[in-house]
Protein backbone atom coordinates (compact mmCIF):
# COMPACT_ATOMS: atom_id res chain seq x y z
CA UNK A 1 190.66 2.24 97.82
CA UNK A 2 189.59 1.54 101.43
CA UNK A 3 186.14 3.10 101.59
CA UNK A 4 182.93 3.55 99.65
CA UNK A 5 183.84 7.24 99.18
CA UNK A 6 187.05 6.30 97.68
CA UNK A 7 185.04 3.86 95.11
CA UNK A 8 182.77 7.07 94.43
CA UNK A 9 185.87 9.00 93.65
CA UNK A 10 187.12 6.23 91.44
CA UNK A 11 183.75 6.06 89.48
CA UNK A 12 183.88 9.87 88.99
CA UNK A 13 187.56 10.17 87.98
CA UNK A 14 186.76 7.25 85.43
CA UNK A 15 184.08 9.38 83.93
CA UNK A 16 186.53 12.33 83.48
CA UNK A 17 188.75 10.67 80.90
CA UNK A 18 187.64 11.76 77.61
CA UNK A 19 188.59 8.46 75.34
CA UNK A 20 188.09 4.87 75.95
CA UNK A 21 192.05 4.43 75.70
CA UNK A 22 192.49 6.73 78.60
CA UNK A 23 189.99 4.98 80.53
CA UNK A 24 191.42 1.60 79.88
CA UNK A 25 195.07 2.91 80.94
CA UNK A 26 193.36 4.26 84.16
CA UNK A 27 191.65 0.96 84.95
CA UNK A 28 194.79 -1.06 84.28
CA UNK A 29 196.70 1.18 86.79
CA UNK A 30 194.05 0.45 89.31
CA UNK A 31 193.93 -3.24 88.43
CA UNK A 32 197.70 -3.35 88.90
CA UNK A 33 197.12 -1.72 92.50
CA UNK A 34 194.44 -3.92 93.40
CA UNK A 35 196.35 -7.11 92.53
CA UNK A 36 199.06 -6.46 94.90
CA UNK A 37 196.20 -6.45 97.80
CA UNK A 38 195.97 -9.36 99.88
CA UNK A 39 193.08 -11.70 99.40
CA UNK A 40 191.15 -10.42 102.11
CA UNK A 41 191.66 -6.94 101.27
CA UNK A 42 190.41 -7.71 97.62
CA UNK A 43 187.36 -9.46 98.92
CA UNK A 44 186.45 -6.52 101.27
CA UNK A 45 187.04 -3.93 98.41
CA UNK A 46 184.84 -6.21 96.01
CA UNK A 47 182.07 -6.34 98.43
CA UNK A 48 182.17 -2.67 98.82
CA UNK A 49 182.01 -2.07 95.01
CA UNK A 50 178.90 -4.28 94.88
CA UNK A 51 177.33 -2.36 97.40
CA UNK A 52 177.90 0.88 95.78
CA UNK A 53 177.11 -0.61 92.26
CA UNK A 54 173.80 -1.70 93.74
CA UNK A 55 172.99 1.45 95.21
CA UNK A 56 173.78 3.25 92.35
CA UNK A 57 171.56 1.48 89.90
CA UNK A 58 168.68 1.27 92.15
CA UNK A 59 169.05 5.35 92.22
CA UNK A 60 169.36 5.40 88.74
CA UNK A 61 166.15 2.94 88.16
CA UNK A 62 163.96 5.29 90.33
CA UNK A 63 165.11 8.24 88.49
CA UNK A 64 164.19 6.41 85.38
CA UNK A 65 160.90 5.29 86.53
CA UNK A 66 160.02 8.63 87.93
CA UNK A 67 160.68 10.42 84.48
CA UNK A 68 158.65 7.77 82.81
CA UNK A 69 155.43 8.53 84.90
């Protein structure tokens, strides 16, 4: 994962798994790949993921507020 679009792709792929077991197996594989990165690459990816998550939560919150209004 190097870009925000790849993080979005990861999130959408995770949603595609029908069972919790499949989701956990997928995440385990992703974590194994992540652990092979250098500390600098890990930090960069975590910061990108945090930015994506914050943006997504803000969008979701805005949508919920509009529905409530």
